[in-house]
């Protein structure tokens, strides 16, 4: 195993892509799934188009399948090139991001790399986000959460907030599974993280309600963002505005 590939759970390893930044934290984690006695691997999110990163992934074993957690470019930009390198099909929830493979289905159970991978549609971060549940990964199982849950901080809402809250509730039911995020470190307890995320989202909603009371119901996204996300770095201001936009839509729908 190359030194830069790290063991992250009994069934998974990860390789950090060299794309650190305000939105990607330390970079995008590409995961490799493989049971100890298996002769193939599944790669999750090949990441940005970086030849060295892809070469290391391709050299880690015979790639049977590539799975995509969601459409953002730091997860999908390398999909076509990696399919060329490995000959493996790329499957995503959105057909536009599949390469020689079928779209993923919610609840689908995939047998690959000597183990079972359950596909869970978890919209909210994006409308095509999925999480990958590995029930046989250690005593508690694990979940590859993409950007639905991060290893550090919280995720942007680029979809509908109602969907995101429902996704967090659904993930919480899986209990103390290992959290394998696409950005940041591995976390130990999915249910606890989901509870913390839900509390944070409801706290933000309260802050948005208070901002609307102060500014008036005609307040713009920019004005609400100025109040609620006043400490946000300018480099990620667009992400804060996206979340405010989703929060305002959620509150409007609840009226």
C-alpha atoms as a PDB file:
ATOM      1  CA  UNK A   1       0.000   0.000   0.000  1.00  0.00           C
ATOM      2  CA  UNK A   2       1.475   3.416  -0.906  1.00  0.00           C
ATOM      3  CA  UNK A   3       2.407   5.489   2.141  1.00  0.00           C
ATOM      4  CA  UNK A   4      -0.102   8.217   1.311  1.00  0.00           C
ATOM      5  CA  UNK A   5      -3.048   5.802   1.319  1.00  0.00           C
ATOM      6  CA  UNK A   6      -4.428   5.626   4.858  1.00  0.00           C
ATOM      7  CA  UNK A   7      -6.480   2.930   6.561  1.00  0.00           C
ATOM      8  CA  UNK A   8      -9.770   4.545   7.611  1.00  0.00           C
ATOM      9  CA  UNK A   9     -11.857   1.531   8.689  1.00  0.00           C
ATOM     10  CA  UNK A  10     -11.646  -2.262   8.422  1.00  0.00           C
ATOM     11  CA  UNK A  11     -13.023  -2.174   4.857  1.00  0.00           C
ATOM     12  CA  UNK A  12     -11.816   1.228   3.640  1.00  0.00           C
ATOM     13  CA  UNK A  13      -8.710   3.243   2.881  1.00  0.00           C
ATOM     14  CA  UNK A  14      -8.472   6.832   1.671  1.00  0.00           C
ATOM     15  CA  UNK A  15      -6.220   8.949  -0.504  1.00  0.00           C
ATOM     16  CA  UNK A  16      -6.279  12.717  -0.036  1.00  0.00           C
ATOM     17  CA  UNK A  17      -6.385  14.671  -3.282  1.00  0.00           C
ATOM     18  CA  UNK A  18      -4.017  17.668  -3.579  1.00  0.00           C
ATOM     19  CA  UNK A  19      -6.814  20.229  -3.792  1.00  0.00           C
ATOM     20  CA  UNK A  20      -6.904  21.893  -0.381  1.00  0.00           C
ATOM     21  CA  UNK A  21      -8.910  25.112  -0.195  1.00  0.00           C
ATOM     22  CA  UNK A  22     -11.601  27.052   1.653  1.00  0.00           C
ATOM     23  CA  UNK A  23     -14.359  24.747   0.379  1.00  0.00           C
ATOM     24  CA  UNK A  24     -12.437  21.453   0.300  1.00  0.00           C
ATOM     25  CA  UNK A  25     -10.640  21.781   3.661  1.00  0.00           C
ATOM     26  CA  UNK A  26      -7.503  19.608   3.467  1.00  0.00           C
ATOM     27  CA  UNK A  27      -8.640  18.256   0.104  1.00  0.00           C
ATOM     28  CA  UNK A  28     -11.080  15.669  -1.229  1.00  0.00           C
ATOM     29  CA  UNK A  29     -10.880  12.167   0.220  1.00  0.00           C
ATOM     30  CA  UNK A  30     -11.045   9.440  -2.419  1.00  0.00           C
ATOM     31  CA  UNK A  31     -11.989   6.157  -0.763  1.00  0.00           C
ATOM     32  CA  UNK A  32     -11.063   2.592  -1.658  1.00  0.00           C
ATOM     33  CA  UNK A  33     -13.394  -0.183  -0.490  1.00  0.00           C
ATOM     34  CA  UNK A  34     -12.106  -3.759  -0.295  1.00  0.00           C
ATOM     35  CA  UNK A  35     -12.716  -6.789   1.893  1.00  0.00           C
ATOM     36  CA  UNK A  36      -9.514  -8.494   3.102  1.00  0.00           C
ATOM     37  CA  UNK A  37      -9.903 -11.512   0.815  1.00  0.00           C
ATOM     38  CA  UNK A  38     -11.218  -9.617  -2.238  1.00  0.00           C
ATOM     39  CA  UNK A  39      -9.304  -9.324  -5.525  1.00  0.00           C
ATOM     40  CA  UNK A  40     -10.909  -6.054  -6.656  1.00  0.00           C
ATOM     41  CA  UNK A  41     -11.581  -2.624  -5.190  1.00  0.00           C
ATOM     42  CA  UNK A  42     -14.319  -0.008  -5.419  1.00  0.00           C
ATOM     43  CA  UNK A  43     -13.174   3.607  -5.662  1.00  0.00           C
ATOM     44  CA  UNK A  44     -15.446   6.339  -4.359  1.00  0.00           C
ATOM     45  CA  UNK A  45     -15.056   9.901  -5.712  1.00  0.00           C
ATOM     46  CA  UNK A  46     -11.893   9.820  -7.854  1.00  0.00           C
ATOM     47  CA  UNK A  47     -11.769  13.569  -7.307  1.00  0.00           C
ATOM     48  CA  UNK A  48     -10.111  16.370  -9.268  1.00  0.00           C
ATOM     49  CA  UNK A  49      -8.284  15.783 -12.528  1.00  0.00           C
ATOM     50  CA  UNK A  50      -4.805  15.259 -11.096  1.00  0.00           C
ATOM     51  CA  UNK A  51      -2.757  12.594 -12.867  1.00  0.00           C
ATOM     52  CA  UNK A  52      -0.604  11.707  -9.860  1.00  0.00           C
ATOM     53  CA  UNK A  53      -3.645  11.212  -7.628  1.00  0.00           C
ATOM     54  CA  UNK A  54      -5.364   9.049 -10.228  1.00  0.00           C
ATOM     55  CA  UNK A  55      -2.235   6.994 -10.873  1.00  0.00           C
ATOM     56  CA  UNK A  56      -1.956   6.172  -7.172  1.00  0.00           C
ATOM     57  CA  UNK A  57      -5.605   5.155  -7.019  1.00  0.00           C
ATOM     58  CA  UNK A  58      -5.293   3.016 -10.154  1.00  0.00           C
ATOM     59  CA  UNK A  59      -2.179   1.286  -8.810  1.00  0.00           C
ATOM     60  CA  UNK A  60      -3.908   0.309  -5.564  1.00  0.00           C
ATOM     61  CA  UNK A  61      -5.638  -2.728  -7.031  1.00  0.00           C
ATOM     62  CA  UNK A  62      -7.903  -3.851  -9.832  1.00  0.00           C
ATOM     63  CA  UNK A  63     -10.752  -1.335  -9.847  1.00  0.00           C
ATOM     64  CA  UNK A  64     -14.098  -3.062 -10.322  1.00  0.00           C
ATOM     65  CA  UNK A  65     -16.383  -0.064  -9.913  1.00  0.00           C
ATOM     66  CA  UNK A  66     -16.313   3.691  -9.295  1.00  0.00           C
ATOM     67  CA  UNK A  67     -19.059   5.351  -7.254  1.00  0.00           C
ATOM     68  CA  UNK A  68     -19.811   9.071  -7.060  1.00  0.00           C
ATOM     69  CA  UNK A  69     -21.381  10.697  -3.997  1.00  0.00           C
ATOM     70  CA  UNK A  70     -22.554  13.874  -5.785  1.00  0.00           C
ATOM     71  CA  UNK A  71     -21.976  16.124  -8.751  1.00  0.00           C
ATOM     72  CA  UNK A  72     -19.496  18.730  -7.507  1.00  0.00           C
ATOM     73  CA  UNK A  73     -16.336  18.950  -9.601  1.00  0.00           C
ATOM     74  CA  UNK A  74     -13.890  18.131  -6.800  1.00  0.00           C
ATOM     75  CA  UNK A  75     -15.545  14.692  -6.731  1.00  0.00           C
ATOM     76  CA  UNK A  76     -16.275  14.125 -10.415  1.00  0.00           C
ATOM     77  CA  UNK A  77     -13.793  16.020 -12.610  1.00  0.00           C
ATOM     78  CA  UNK A  78     -11.568  12.932 -12.916  1.00  0.00           C
ATOM     79  CA  UNK A  79     -14.349  10.438 -13.663  1.00  0.00           C
ATOM     80  CA  UNK A  80     -13.846  10.119 -17.416  1.00  0.00           C
ATOM     81  CA  UNK A  81     -10.055   9.964 -17.143  1.00  0.00           C
ATOM     82  CA  UNK A  82     -10.182   7.402 -14.336  1.00  0.00           C
ATOM     83  CA  UNK A  83     -12.570   5.237 -16.347  1.00  0.00           C
ATOM     84  CA  UNK A  84     -10.038   5.359 -19.175  1.00  0.00           C
ATOM     85  CA  UNK A  85      -7.203   4.348 -16.842  1.00  0.00           C
ATOM     86  CA  UNK A  86      -9.024   1.456 -15.169  1.00  0.00           C
ATOM     87  CA  UNK A  87     -11.778   0.342 -17.548  1.00  0.00           C
ATOM     88  CA  UNK A  88     -14.186   0.463 -14.593  1.00  0.00           C
ATOM     89  CA  UNK A  89     -17.699   1.890 -14.957  1.00  0.00           C
ATOM     90  CA  UNK A  90     -18.550   5.046 -13.061  1.00  0.00           C
ATOM     91  CA  UNK A  91     -21.972   5.159 -11.410  1.00  0.00           C
ATOM     92  CA  UNK A  92     -23.694   8.192  -9.886  1.00  0.00           C
ATOM     93  CA  UNK A  93     -27.239   9.086  -8.885  1.00  0.00           C
ATOM     94  CA  UNK A  94     -27.408  11.663 -11.675  1.00  0.00           C
ATOM     95  CA  UNK A  95     -27.059   9.947 -15.090  1.00  0.00           C
ATOM     96  CA  UNK A  96     -25.058  12.926 -16.360  1.00  0.00           C
ATOM     97  CA  UNK A  97     -22.155  11.853 -14.162  1.00  0.00           C
ATOM     98  CA  UNK A  98     -22.139   8.164 -15.086  1.00  0.00           C
ATOM     99  CA  UNK A  99     -19.460   6.766 -17.406  1.00  0.00           C
ATOM    100  CA  UNK A 100     -20.317   3.404 -18.976  1.00  0.00           C
ATOM    101  CA  UNK A 101     -22.495   2.603 -15.972  1.00  0.00           C
ATOM    102  CA  UNK A 102     -26.106   2.816 -14.850  1.00  0.00           C
ATOM    103  CA  UNK A 103     -27.468   5.459 -12.456  1.00  0.00           C
ATOM    104  CA  UNK A 104     -27.552   4.530  -8.792  1.00  0.00           C
ATOM    105  CA  UNK A 105     -30.892   3.779  -7.172  1.00  0.00           C
ATOM    106  CA  UNK A 106     -31.994   4.655  -3.655  1.00  0.00           C
ATOM    107  CA  UNK A 107     -31.787   1.542  -1.492  1.00  0.00           C
ATOM    108  CA  UNK A 108     -29.811  -0.382  -4.083  1.00  0.00           C
ATOM    109  CA  UNK A 109     -27.498  -3.045  -2.644  1.00  0.00           C
ATOM    110  CA  UNK A 110     -24.255  -3.485  -4.570  1.00  0.00           C
ATOM    111  CA  UNK A 111     -22.094  -6.569  -4.110  1.00  0.00           C
ATOM    112  CA  UNK A 112     -18.530  -5.607  -5.024  1.00  0.00           C
ATOM    113  CA  UNK A 113     -14.966  -5.844  -3.715  1.00  0.00           C
ATOM    114  CA  UNK A 114     -15.999  -8.688  -1.430  1.00  0.00           C
ATOM    115  CA  UNK A 115     -18.586  -6.719   0.517  1.00  0.00           C
ATOM    116  CA  UNK A 116     -22.048  -5.127   0.350  1.00  0.00           C
ATOM    117  CA  UNK A 117     -22.577  -1.424  -0.304  1.00  0.00           C
ATOM    118  CA  UNK A 118     -26.033   0.059   0.237  1.00  0.00           C
ATOM    119  CA  UNK A 119     -26.890   3.231  -1.679  1.00  0.00           C
ATOM    120  CA  UNK A 120     -28.819   5.833   0.309  1.00  0.00           C
ATOM    121  CA  UNK A 121     -30.227   8.872  -1.486  1.00  0.00           C
ATOM    122  CA  UNK A 122     -29.549  11.801   0.854  1.00  0.00           C
ATOM    123  CA  UNK A 123     -30.491  15.042  -0.917  1.00  0.00           C
ATOM    124  CA  UNK A 124     -29.809  18.411   0.632  1.00  0.00           C
ATOM    125  CA  UNK A 125     -26.168  19.259   0.108  1.00  0.00           C
ATOM    126  CA  UNK A 126     -27.098  18.692  -3.523  1.00  0.00           C
ATOM    127  CA  UNK A 127     -30.217  17.112  -4.967  1.00  0.00           C
ATOM    128  CA  UNK A 128     -28.164  14.147  -6.246  1.00  0.00           C
ATOM    129  CA  UNK A 129     -26.224  13.410  -3.045  1.00  0.00           C
ATOM    130  CA  UNK A 130     -25.923   9.812  -1.907  1.00  0.00           C
ATOM    131  CA  UNK A 131     -24.295   8.170   1.090  1.00  0.00           C
ATOM    132  CA  UNK A 132     -22.801   4.680   0.969  1.00  0.00           C
ATOM    133  CA  UNK A 133     -23.579   2.371   3.877  1.00  0.00           C
ATOM    134  CA  UNK A 134     -21.174  -0.489   4.595  1.00  0.00           C
ATOM    135  CA  UNK A 135     -23.062  -2.511   7.238  1.00  0.00           C
ATOM    136  CA  UNK A 136     -20.260  -5.088   7.489  1.00  0.00           C
ATOM    137  CA  UNK A 137     -17.506  -2.567   8.191  1.00  0.00           C
ATOM    138  CA  UNK A 138     -16.460  -3.373  11.748  1.00  0.00           C
ATOM    139  CA  UNK A 139     -18.750  -3.673  14.739  1.00  0.00           C
ATOM    140  CA  UNK A 140     -20.888  -0.617  13.931  1.00  0.00           C
ATOM    141  CA  UNK A 141     -20.672  -0.423  10.153  1.00  0.00           C
ATOM    142  CA  UNK A 142     -19.618   2.732   8.351  1.00  0.00           C
ATOM    143  CA  UNK A 143     -21.131   5.364   6.089  1.00  0.00           C
ATOM    144  CA  UNK A 144     -19.295   7.252   3.354  1.00  0.00           C
ATOM    145  CA  UNK A 145     -21.119  10.550   3.688  1.00  0.00           C
ATOM    146  CA  UNK A 146     -19.743  12.551   0.755  1.00  0.00           C
ATOM    147  CA  UNK A 147     -20.372  16.199   1.632  1.00  0.00           C
ATOM    148  CA  UNK A 148     -23.620  15.514   3.496  1.00  0.00           C
ATOM    149  CA  UNK A 149     -21.523  15.343   6.666  1.00  0.00           C
ATOM    150  CA  UNK A 150     -17.981  16.695   6.839  1.00  0.00           C
ATOM    151  CA  UNK A 151     -15.182  15.700   9.155  1.00  0.00           C
ATOM    152  CA  UNK A 152     -14.864  19.299  10.292  1.00  0.00           C
ATOM    153  CA  UNK A 153     -17.364  22.172  10.226  1.00  0.00           C
ATOM    154  CA  UNK A 154     -20.722  21.958   8.466  1.00  0.00           C
ATOM    155  CA  UNK A 155     -21.827  21.547   4.878  1.00  0.00           C
ATOM    156  CA  UNK A 156     -23.263  24.035   2.398  1.00  0.00           C
ATOM    157  CA  UNK A 157     -26.928  23.562   1.457  1.00  0.00           C
ATOM    158  CA  UNK A 158     -26.954  23.607  -2.348  1.00  0.00           C
ATOM    159  CA  UNK A 159     -30.313  21.846  -2.476  1.00  0.00           C
ATOM    160  CA  UNK A 160     -33.445  22.061  -0.323  1.00  0.00           C
ATOM    161  CA  UNK A 161     -33.118  22.456   3.441  1.00  0.00           C
ATOM    162  CA  UNK A 162     -36.204  20.312   4.110  1.00  0.00           C
ATOM    163  CA  UNK A 163     -34.523  17.486   2.195  1.00  0.00           C
ATOM    164  CA  UNK A 164     -31.285  17.976   4.110  1.00  0.00           C
ATOM    165  CA  UNK A 165     -32.987  17.842   7.501  1.00  0.00           C
ATOM    166  CA  UNK A 166     -34.830  14.669   6.461  1.00  0.00           C
ATOM    167  CA  UNK A 167     -31.547  13.153   5.274  1.00  0.00           C
ATOM    168  CA  UNK A 168     -29.879  13.852   8.617  1.00  0.00           C
ATOM    169  CA  UNK A 169     -32.802  12.236  10.439  1.00  0.00           C
ATOM    170  CA  UNK A 170     -32.550   9.162   8.192  1.00  0.00           C
ATOM    171  CA  UNK A 171     -28.803   8.871   8.745  1.00  0.00           C
ATOM    172  CA  UNK A 172     -29.190   9.215  12.503  1.00  0.00           C
ATOM    173  CA  UNK A 173     -31.232   6.001  12.531  1.00  0.00           C
ATOM    174  CA  UNK A 174     -28.094   4.092  11.453  1.00  0.00           C
ATOM    175  CA  UNK A 175     -26.662   4.575  14.934  1.00  0.00           C
ATOM    176  CA  UNK A 176     -22.996   4.857  15.945  1.00  0.00           C
ATOM    177  CA  UNK A 177     -21.548   3.994  12.532  1.00  0.00           C
ATOM    178  CA  UNK A 178     -18.108   5.232  11.519  1.00  0.00           C
ATOM    179  CA  UNK A 179     -18.383   8.480   9.525  1.00  0.00           C
ATOM    180  CA  UNK A 180     -16.157   8.538   6.420  1.00  0.00           C
ATOM    181  CA  UNK A 181     -16.509  12.083   5.029  1.00  0.00           C
ATOM    182  CA  UNK A 182     -15.262  13.387   1.704  1.00  0.00           C
ATOM    183  CA  UNK A 183     -13.507  16.260   3.495  1.00  0.00           C
ATOM    184  CA  UNK A 184     -11.825  16.231   6.877  1.00  0.00           C
ATOM    185  CA  UNK A 185     -11.059  13.407   9.317  1.00  0.00           C
ATOM    186  CA  UNK A 186     -12.952  10.221  10.090  1.00  0.00           C
ATOM    187  CA  UNK A 187     -15.526  10.596  12.893  1.00  0.00           C
ATOM    188  CA  UNK A 188     -16.641   7.878  15.316  1.00  0.00           C
ATOM    189  CA  UNK A 189     -20.413   8.168  15.796  1.00  0.00           C
ATOM    190  CA  UNK A 190     -22.851   8.953  12.977  1.00  0.00           C
ATOM    191  CA  UNK A 191     -25.897   9.330  15.219  1.00  0.00           C
ATOM    192  CA  UNK A 192     -24.139  11.826  17.478  1.00  0.00           C
ATOM    193  CA  UNK A 193     -22.868  13.841  14.515  1.00  0.00           C
ATOM    194  CA  UNK A 194     -26.343  13.928  12.934  1.00  0.00           C
ATOM    195  CA  UNK A 195     -27.810  15.189  16.203  1.00  0.00           C
ATOM    196  CA  UNK A 196     -25.193  17.946  16.352  1.00  0.00           C
ATOM    197  CA  UNK A 197     -25.814  18.875  12.711  1.00  0.00           C
ATOM    198  CA  UNK A 198     -29.578  19.024  13.257  1.00  0.00           C
ATOM    199  CA  UNK A 199     -29.145  21.228  16.321  1.00  0.00           C
ATOM    200  CA  UNK A 200     -26.866  23.536  14.343  1.00  0.00           C
ATOM    201  CA  UNK A 201     -29.340  23.815  11.470  1.00  0.00           C
ATOM    202  CA  UNK A 202     -32.233  24.662  13.776  1.00  0.00           C
ATOM    203  CA  UNK A 203     -30.060  27.230  15.545  1.00  0.00           C
ATOM    204  CA  UNK A 204     -29.290  28.821  12.174  1.00  0.00           C
ATOM    205  CA  UNK A 205     -32.998  28.889  11.338  1.00  0.00           C
ATOM    206  CA  UNK A 206     -33.670  30.732  14.581  1.00  0.00           C
ATOM    207  CA  UNK A 207     -30.960  33.230  13.644  1.00  0.00           C
ATOM    208  CA  UNK A 208     -32.499  33.748  10.201  1.00  0.00           C
ATOM    209  CA  UNK A 209     -35.934  34.293  11.780  1.00  0.00           C
ATOM    210  CA  UNK A 210     -34.398  36.893  14.093  1.00  0.00           C
ATOM    211  CA  UNK A 211     -32.670  38.573  11.143  1.00  0.00           C
ATOM    212  CA  UNK A 212     -35.982  38.806   9.293  1.00  0.00           C
ATOM    213  CA  UNK A 213     -37.626  40.341  12.324  1.00  0.00           C
ATOM    214  CA  UNK A 214     -34.851  42.941  12.478  1.00  0.00           C
ATOM    215  CA  UNK A 215     -34.632  43.614   8.743  1.00  0.00           C
ATOM    216  CA  UNK A 216     -38.208  43.057   7.633  1.00  0.00           C
ATOM    217  CA  UNK A 217     -39.691  40.309   5.483  1.00  0.00           C
ATOM    218  CA  UNK A 218     -38.349  41.921   2.293  1.00  0.00           C
ATOM    219  CA  UNK A 219     -34.724  41.492   3.394  1.00  0.00           C
ATOM    220  CA  UNK A 220     -32.395  40.219   0.707  1.00  0.00           C
ATOM    221  CA  UNK A 221     -30.183  37.134   0.891  1.00  0.00           C
ATOM    222  CA  UNK A 222     -27.142  39.406   1.138  1.00  0.00           C
ATOM    223  CA  UNK A 223     -28.611  41.376   4.037  1.00  0.00           C
ATOM    224  CA  UNK A 224     -29.530  38.244   5.989  1.00  0.00           C
ATOM    225  CA  UNK A 225     -26.101  36.771   5.321  1.00  0.00           C
ATOM    226  CA  UNK A 226     -24.459  39.934   6.660  1.00  0.00           C
ATOM    227  CA  UNK A 227     -26.232  39.405   9.987  1.00  0.00           C
ATOM    228  CA  UNK A 228     -26.249  35.629  10.366  1.00  0.00           C
ATOM    229  CA  UNK A 229     -22.848  34.850   8.850  1.00  0.00           C
ATOM    230  CA  UNK A 230     -21.000  38.020   9.814  1.00  0.00           C
ATOM    231  CA  UNK A 231     -17.799  36.150  10.663  1.00  0.00           C
ATOM    232  CA  UNK A 232     -17.663  34.208   7.398  1.00  0.00           C
ATOM    233  CA  UNK A 233     -14.492  34.460   5.325  1.00  0.00           C
ATOM    234  CA  UNK A 234     -15.006  36.273   2.021  1.00  0.00           C
ATOM    235  CA  UNK A 235     -13.682  33.219   0.166  1.00  0.00           C
ATOM    236  CA  UNK A 236     -16.717  31.188   1.198  1.00  0.00           C
ATOM    237  CA  UNK A 237     -19.280  33.990   1.228  1.00  0.00           C
ATOM    238  CA  UNK A 238     -21.081  32.414  -1.748  1.00  0.00           C
ATOM    239  CA  UNK A 239     -21.568  29.230   0.282  1.00  0.00           C
ATOM    240  CA  UNK A 240     -23.084  31.155   3.176  1.00  0.00           C
ATOM    241  CA  UNK A 241     -25.444  32.907   0.770  1.00  0.00           C
ATOM    242  CA  UNK A 242     -26.475  29.541  -0.712  1.00  0.00           C
ATOM    243  CA  UNK A 243     -27.343  28.283   2.763  1.00  0.00           C
ATOM    244  CA  UNK A 244     -29.303  31.457   3.565  1.00  0.00           C
ATOM    245  CA  UNK A 245     -31.187  31.110   0.299  1.00  0.00           C
ATOM    246  CA  UNK A 246     -32.155  27.555   1.291  1.00  0.00           C
ATOM    247  CA  UNK A 247     -33.130  28.659   4.796  1.00  0.00           C
ATOM    248  CA  UNK A 248     -35.338  31.455   3.493  1.00  0.00           C
ATOM    249  CA  UNK A 249     -37.056  29.079   1.071  1.00  0.00           C
ATOM    250  CA  UNK A 250     -37.642  26.627   3.911  1.00  0.00           C
ATOM    251  CA  UNK A 251     -39.178  29.306   6.150  1.00  0.00           C
ATOM    252  CA  UNK A 252     -41.322  30.635   3.308  1.00  0.00           C
ATOM    253  CA  UNK A 253     -42.673  27.145   2.579  1.00  0.00           C
ATOM    254  CA  UNK A 254     -43.487  26.660   6.271  1.00  0.00           C
ATOM    255  CA  UNK A 255     -45.772  29.707   6.442  1.00  0.00           C
END
